[in-house]
Amino acid sequence: MLELTIDESDRLITVAHALASEIRISILKLLNYQKMNIIEIAEKLDLPVSTIASNIKVLEVSGLINTELQPATRGKMKVCSRNFDDIYMLLNLNIRHNDPKNCYELEMPIGHYVDCEITPTCGIINQNGVVQPEDDTSLFYHPERISAQLIWLRQGFLEYRFPVSISGNAKIESVQFSMELCSEAPHYDHNWPSDITVWINGKEICTWTCPGDFGDRRGKLNPTWLRDNHTQYGLLKNWKIDNTGSYLDAVKVSSVTLSDIEIHKQKFLILKVGVKSNAVNVGGINLFGKGFGDHNQDILMRIIYS
């Protein structure tokens, strides 16, 4: 199930736009039964492949479907699958005031990592422009990295430590992380899959295959000086760990639970995001902070407790 609140206006608009089309609704109906490639969908709906491809992109950006490239007779084909069976839109602004649970939130600037392992292509952008020289891994240890608003790397990881300032008697019900990210291709390429892995307190939560590096339009927050042929925006992804398992955008992705990450063992949580050297798709990461991409946030941690 995908759960959206009115506070997540950007995501709500993106999903609503994706659903506001008879063609896209028909595509979702077809994917209710099986995975299909774009040509198969076009044949079923008796529509041009180009029309289906453009509508698939809208559904991809919304997160309603997932696509992966698979070998075909000639080159590769994009195979589509549906991510959610249900979508729940919570439009009541006052609902949180009626919730007895407490919420501890902390937003971590993307340049405030405590450890990293970087393989070029790589770089950092802040409010003044691209930190020079590009593809120099030593920049990732320079004090200027603290001001980063966009970070990219081809392989490796970034590691962050989030302080947990809640009572030791609190009963933690879930830990959530949210960030905007995409693959890292030369310039940009929407068909550039990357296997991006997330770890919490050393436990591997899941590996998500990002479909590409997005640059078909300018990011909503990007400064005017950012060149058009550069990565423009990512997808806002949400990871949650509770007592039943781990979830990505409300879909269960692993059996790792709160007890596995030993959240009460120390007064901070360690978040690590990266691309393994032995991943099937070593397609890099672009990680967006405030002022870049489509979502005006850094890495957001939310702990729900009672």
Protein backbone atom coordinates (compact mmCIF):
# COMPACT_ATOMS: atom_id res chain seq x y z
CA MET A 1 0.00 0.00 0.00
CA LEU A 2 1.18 3.54 -0.79
CA GLU A 3 0.22 6.04 1.92
CA LEU A 4 0.37 9.75 1.12
CA THR A 5 -0.45 12.72 3.33
CA ILE A 6 -1.41 16.26 2.37
CA ASP A 7 1.89 17.41 3.92
CA GLU A 8 3.68 15.58 1.08
CA SER A 9 2.21 17.90 -1.54
CA ASP A 10 4.87 17.28 -4.22
CA ARG A 11 4.45 13.51 -4.04
CA LEU A 12 0.67 13.82 -3.88
CA ILE A 13 0.62 15.97 -7.03
CA THR A 14 2.98 13.61 -8.88
CA VAL A 15 0.88 10.54 -8.09
CA ALA A 16 -2.41 12.33 -8.85
CA HIS A 17 -1.02 13.46 -12.21
CA ALA A 18 0.05 9.90 -13.03
CA LEU A 19 -3.47 8.65 -12.33
CA ALA A 20 -5.17 11.43 -14.34
CA SER A 21 -5.02 9.59 -17.66
CA GLU A 22 -7.12 6.80 -19.17
CA ILE A 23 -4.03 5.42 -20.91
CA ARG A 24 -2.03 5.21 -17.68
CA ILE A 25 -4.97 3.65 -15.83
CA SER A 26 -5.19 1.04 -18.61
CA ILE A 27 -1.48 0.32 -18.24
CA LEU A 28 -1.88 -0.20 -14.49
CA LYS A 29 -4.79 -2.58 -15.15
CA LEU A 30 -2.62 -4.68 -17.46
CA LEU A 31 0.18 -4.80 -14.90
CA ASN A 32 -2.28 -6.07 -12.31
CA TYR A 33 -1.83 -9.56 -13.74
CA GLN A 34 1.78 -9.80 -14.90
CA LYS A 35 4.97 -7.99 -15.84
CA MET A 36 4.94 -6.69 -19.42
CA ASN A 37 7.37 -4.93 -21.70
CA ILE A 38 6.50 -1.73 -23.54
CA ILE A 39 5.87 -3.44 -26.87
CA GLU A 40 3.46 -5.93 -25.28
CA ILE A 41 1.57 -3.09 -23.60
CA ALA A 42 1.36 -1.15 -26.88
CA GLU A 43 -0.04 -4.21 -28.66
CA LYS A 44 -2.63 -4.85 -25.94
CA LEU A 45 -3.84 -1.25 -25.97
CA ASP A 46 -3.47 -0.84 -29.75
CA LEU A 47 -1.41 2.32 -29.31
CA PRO A 48 1.97 3.47 -30.70
CA VAL A 49 5.03 2.35 -28.75
CA SER A 50 6.10 6.00 -28.43
CA THR A 51 2.81 6.86 -26.70
CA ILE A 52 3.19 3.99 -24.25
CA ALA A 53 6.84 4.88 -23.57
CA SER A 54 6.01 8.47 -22.65
CA ASN A 55 3.23 7.36 -20.31
CA ILE A 56 5.47 4.74 -18.73
CA LYS A 57 7.93 7.53 -17.86
CA VAL A 58 5.19 9.40 -15.99
CA LEU A 59 4.27 6.26 -14.03
CA GLU A 60 7.96 5.63 -13.27
CA VAL A 61 8.51 9.13 -11.88
CA SER A 62 5.44 8.76 -9.66
CA GLY A 63 6.78 5.49 -8.26
CA LEU A 64 3.60 3.62 -9.19
CA ILE A 65 5.51 1.21 -11.41
CA ASN A 66 9.01 -0.18 -11.52
CA THR A 67 10.95 -0.86 -14.73
CA GLU A 68 14.02 -2.94 -15.42
CA LEU A 69 16.06 -3.53 -18.54
CA GLN A 70 16.27 -7.14 -19.67
CA PRO A 71 18.09 -8.71 -22.64
CA ALA A 72 16.06 -8.96 -25.83
CA THR A 73 16.65 -10.33 -29.32
CA ARG A 74 17.89 -6.90 -30.35
CA GLY A 75 19.50 -5.01 -27.50
CA LYS A 76 17.44 -4.62 -24.35
CA MET A 77 13.77 -4.18 -23.49
CA LYS A 78 12.14 -2.32 -20.62
CA VAL A 79 9.97 -4.63 -18.50
CA CYS A 80 7.34 -2.98 -16.29
CA SER A 81 5.76 -4.12 -13.04
CA ARG A 82 3.29 -2.45 -10.66
CA ASN A 83 4.53 -1.34 -7.21
CA PHE A 84 1.27 -0.96 -5.27
CA ASP A 85 -2.12 -2.61 -4.96
CA ASP A 86 -3.63 0.26 -2.95
CA ILE A 87 -3.10 4.01 -2.60
CA TYR A 88 -4.28 5.78 0.54
CA MET A 89 -4.38 9.59 0.49
CA LEU A 90 -4.67 11.22 3.92
CA LEU A 91 -6.01 14.75 3.39
CA ASN A 92 -6.84 15.67 6.99
CA LEU A 93 -4.23 18.15 8.28
CA ASN A 94 -5.30 17.59 11.89
CA ILE A 95 -4.90 13.82 11.88
CA ARG A 96 -1.47 13.98 13.55
CA HIS A 97 -2.83 15.94 16.48
CA ASN A 98 -5.21 13.07 17.22
CA ASP A 99 -2.42 10.48 17.07
CA PRO A 100 -1.13 9.54 20.54
CA LYS A 101 2.20 8.47 19.10
CA ASN A 102 5.18 10.82 19.24
CA CYS A 103 7.47 11.67 16.37
CA TYR A 104 11.16 12.59 16.55
CA GLU A 105 12.47 14.15 13.31
CA LEU A 106 15.93 15.22 12.22
CA GLU A 107 17.13 16.42 8.82
CA MET A 108 20.78 15.74 7.98
CA PRO A 109 22.53 17.89 5.32
CA ILE A 110 23.93 15.55 2.67
CA GLY A 111 27.47 16.91 3.10
CA HIS A 112 27.59 15.92 6.79
CA TYR A 113 28.66 12.32 6.24
CA VAL A 114 31.15 10.84 8.71
CA ASP A 115 32.72 8.28 6.38
CA CYS A 116 32.81 7.58 2.69
CA GLU A 117 34.33 5.43 -0.03
CA ILE A 118 34.28 7.09 -3.43
CA THR A 119 34.98 5.88 -6.96
CA PRO A 120 34.84 8.37 -9.88
CA THR A 121 32.96 9.67 -11.68
CA CYS A 122 32.27 11.82 -8.63
CA GLY A 123 31.72 15.36 -7.54
CA ILE A 124 30.05 17.88 -5.27
CA ILE A 125 27.87 20.90 -6.03
CA ASN A 126 27.03 23.62 -3.51
CA GLN A 127 25.30 26.99 -3.76
CA ASN A 128 28.33 28.47 -5.54
CA GLY A 129 28.64 25.84 -8.27
CA VAL A 130 30.61 22.67 -8.96
CA VAL A 131 33.46 22.21 -6.48
CA GLN A 132 36.62 21.83 -8.54
CA PRO A 133 38.25 19.72 -9.71
CA GLU A 134 35.60 17.15 -10.61
CA ASP A 135 36.39 13.43 -10.24
CA ASP A 136 38.91 14.17 -7.45
CA THR A 137 38.12 11.87 -4.52
CA SER A 138 40.12 14.06 -2.11
CA LEU A 139 37.32 16.67 -2.35
CA PHE A 140 35.11 14.34 -0.32
CA TYR A 141 37.33 15.06 2.71
CA HIS A 142 37.58 18.82 2.14
CA PRO A 143 35.75 21.11 4.64
CA GLU A 144 33.79 22.60 1.73
CA ARG A 145 31.91 19.32 1.37
CA ILE A 146 29.79 20.34 4.39
CA SER A 147 27.89 22.78 2.15
CA ALA A 148 27.04 20.13 -0.48
CA GLN A 149 23.62 20.29 -2.11
CA LEU A 150 24.25 17.59 -4.73
CA ILE A 151 26.72 14.70 -4.47
CA TRP A 152 27.45 12.08 -7.10
CA LEU A 153 29.64 8.97 -7.24
CA ARG A 154 29.89 5.94 -9.49
CA GLN A 155 30.59 3.37 -6.79
CA GLY A 156 31.15 3.29 -3.03
CA PHE A 157 29.14 4.73 -0.14
CA LEU A 158 28.31 7.68 2.10
CA GLU A 159 27.74 7.10 5.83
CA TYR A 160 25.84 9.34 8.24
CA ARG A 161 25.25 9.34 12.00
CA PHE A 162 21.88 10.60 13.28
CA PRO A 163 21.60 11.40 17.01
CA VAL A 164 18.63 9.82 18.76
CA SER A 165 17.44 12.20 21.49
CA ILE A 166 14.42 10.42 22.92
CA SER A 167 13.78 8.86 26.32
CA GLY A 168 15.24 5.45 26.97
CA ASN A 169 11.80 4.38 28.18
CA ALA A 170 10.19 5.21 24.83
CA LYS A 171 8.72 2.34 22.87
CA ILE A 172 10.00 2.81 19.32
CA GLU A 173 7.52 1.64 16.70
CA SER A 174 9.29 2.56 13.47
CA VAL A 175 12.39 4.23 12.05
CA GLN A 176 12.05 5.98 8.70
CA PHE A 177 14.50 7.58 6.29
CA SER A 178 13.63 9.69 3.26
CA MET A 179 15.95 11.04 0.54
CA GLU A 180 15.91 12.13 -3.12
CA LEU A 181 18.30 10.22 -5.33
CA CYS A 182 18.88 8.65 -8.75
CA SER A 183 21.56 6.87 -10.77
CA GLU A 184 24.72 8.56 -12.07
CA ALA A 185 25.31 8.47 -15.84
CA PRO A 186 27.47 10.66 -18.11
CA HIS A 187 25.36 13.85 -18.41
CA TYR A 188 22.07 11.95 -17.86
CA ASP A 189 20.36 8.81 -19.12
CA HIS A 190 16.88 7.62 -18.12
CA ASN A 191 17.84 4.05 -19.02
CA TRP A 192 20.80 3.74 -16.66
CA PRO A 193 19.92 1.27 -13.86
CA SER A 194 21.82 1.34 -10.60
CA ASP A 195 21.57 -1.02 -7.63
CA ILE A 196 21.51 1.30 -4.62
CA THR A 197 21.81 -0.36 -1.21
CA VAL A 198 20.81 1.05 2.18
CA TRP A 199 22.21 -0.14 5.52
CA ILE A 200 21.07 0.92 9.02
CA ASN A 201 23.35 0.21 11.98
CA GLY A 202 25.35 -2.12 9.78
CA LYS A 203 22.35 -4.21 8.74
CA GLU A 204 21.58 -4.34 5.03
CA ILE A 205 17.97 -3.24 4.59
CA CYS A 206 17.51 -3.66 0.85
CA THR A 207 18.89 -2.93 -2.60
CA TRP A 208 16.72 -0.78 -4.85
CA THR A 209 17.34 -0.65 -8.60
CA CYS A 210 16.95 2.96 -9.68
CA PRO A 211 15.89 3.00 -13.35
CA GLY A 212 18.01 5.96 -14.44
CA ASP A 213 19.63 9.36 -14.12
CA PHE A 214 16.94 11.96 -14.78
CA GLY A 215 17.49 15.08 -16.89
CA ASP A 216 14.63 15.43 -19.39
CA ARG A 217 13.50 18.62 -17.62
CA ARG A 218 14.97 21.01 -15.11
CA GLY A 219 14.65 20.16 -11.44
CA LYS A 220 12.05 22.30 -9.72
CA LEU A 221 14.56 23.77 -7.24
CA ASN A 222 17.71 23.94 -9.37
CA PRO A 223 19.54 27.28 -9.64
CA THR A 224 19.54 28.95 -13.05
CA TRP A 225 23.29 28.45 -13.47
CA LEU A 226 23.04 24.63 -13.43
CA ARG A 227 23.59 23.47 -16.99
CA ASP A 228 20.75 21.71 -18.80
CA ASN A 229 22.78 18.64 -19.78
CA HIS A 230 23.41 17.77 -16.13
CA THR A 231 21.41 15.51 -13.80
CA GLN A 232 18.29 17.46 -12.84
CA TYR A 233 16.21 15.56 -10.29
CA GLY A 234 15.75 12.25 -8.51
CA LEU A 235 13.02 10.16 -6.93
CA LEU A 236 11.99 10.68 -3.32
CA LYS A 237 12.31 7.26 -1.69
CA ASN A 238 11.13 6.29 1.78
CA TRP A 239 12.54 3.42 3.86
CA LYS A 240 10.81 2.21 7.04
CA ILE A 241 11.81 -0.42 9.60
CA ASP A 242 9.33 -1.63 12.21
CA ASN A 243 8.69 -4.78 14.20
CA THR A 244 7.37 -6.65 11.16
CA GLY A 245 10.17 -5.97 8.67
CA SER A 246 11.63 -3.35 6.34
CA TYR A 247 9.68 -1.43 3.71
CA LEU A 248 10.50 0.74 0.71
CA ASP A 249 7.65 3.09 -0.23
CA ALA A 250 5.28 0.94 1.86
CA VAL A 251 6.28 -2.30 0.07
CA LYS A 252 7.97 -4.94 2.24
CA VAL A 253 11.51 -5.55 0.98
CA SER A 254 13.20 -7.56 3.74
CA SER A 255 12.70 -9.27 7.09
CA VAL A 256 15.10 -6.94 8.97
CA THR A 257 13.24 -5.58 12.02
CA LEU A 258 13.83 -3.00 14.76
CA SER A 259 15.35 -5.65 17.00
CA ASP A 260 17.88 -6.50 14.29
CA ILE A 261 19.23 -2.93 14.10
CA GLU A 262 19.55 -2.74 17.93
CA ILE A 263 18.29 0.81 18.09
CA HIS A 264 18.66 1.10 21.90
CA LYS A 265 22.31 0.00 21.87
CA GLN A 266 23.67 3.52 21.21
CA LYS A 267 22.47 7.13 21.10
CA PHE A 268 22.72 7.44 17.32
CA LEU A 269 21.66 5.64 14.16
CA ILE A 270 24.11 4.88 11.36
CA LEU A 271 22.70 5.28 7.84
CA LYS A 272 24.81 4.12 4.93
CA VAL A 273 23.83 4.41 1.27
CA GLY A 274 25.94 3.14 -1.60
CA VAL A 275 26.55 0.98 -4.64
CA LYS A 276 28.46 -2.27 -4.10
CA SER A 277 31.42 -3.12 -6.34
CA ASN A 278 29.82 -6.50 -7.13
CA ALA A 279 26.33 -5.12 -7.85
CA VAL A 280 24.64 -6.28 -11.05
CA ASN A 281 24.09 -2.65 -12.03
CA VAL A 282 26.99 -0.45 -10.91
CA GLY A 283 25.27 2.72 -12.04
CA GLY A 284 26.23 5.19 -9.34
CA ILE A 285 24.28 7.62 -7.16
CA ASN A 286 23.18 11.23 -7.32
CA LEU A 287 22.07 12.36 -3.85
CA PHE A 288 20.10 15.62 -3.67
CA GLY A 289 20.01 18.09 -0.79
CA LYS A 290 18.04 21.26 -0.17
CA GLY A 291 18.03 23.64 -3.12
CA PHE A 292 18.43 20.98 -5.82
CA GLY A 293 16.17 18.48 -7.53
CA ASP A 294 12.43 18.35 -6.94
CA HIS A 295 12.18 18.04 -3.14
CA ASN A 296 13.39 20.72 -0.74
CA GLN A 297 14.91 18.42 1.85
CA ASP A 298 18.15 16.76 2.84
CA ILE A 299 18.12 13.26 4.39
CA LEU A 300 15.14 13.11 6.74
CA MET A 301 15.01 10.68 9.66
CA ARG A 302 11.73 10.14 11.48
CA ILE A 303 11.29 7.94 14.57
CA ILE A 304 7.75 7.08 15.66
CA TYR A 305 7.44 6.10 19.34
CA SER A 306 4.97 5.91 22.20
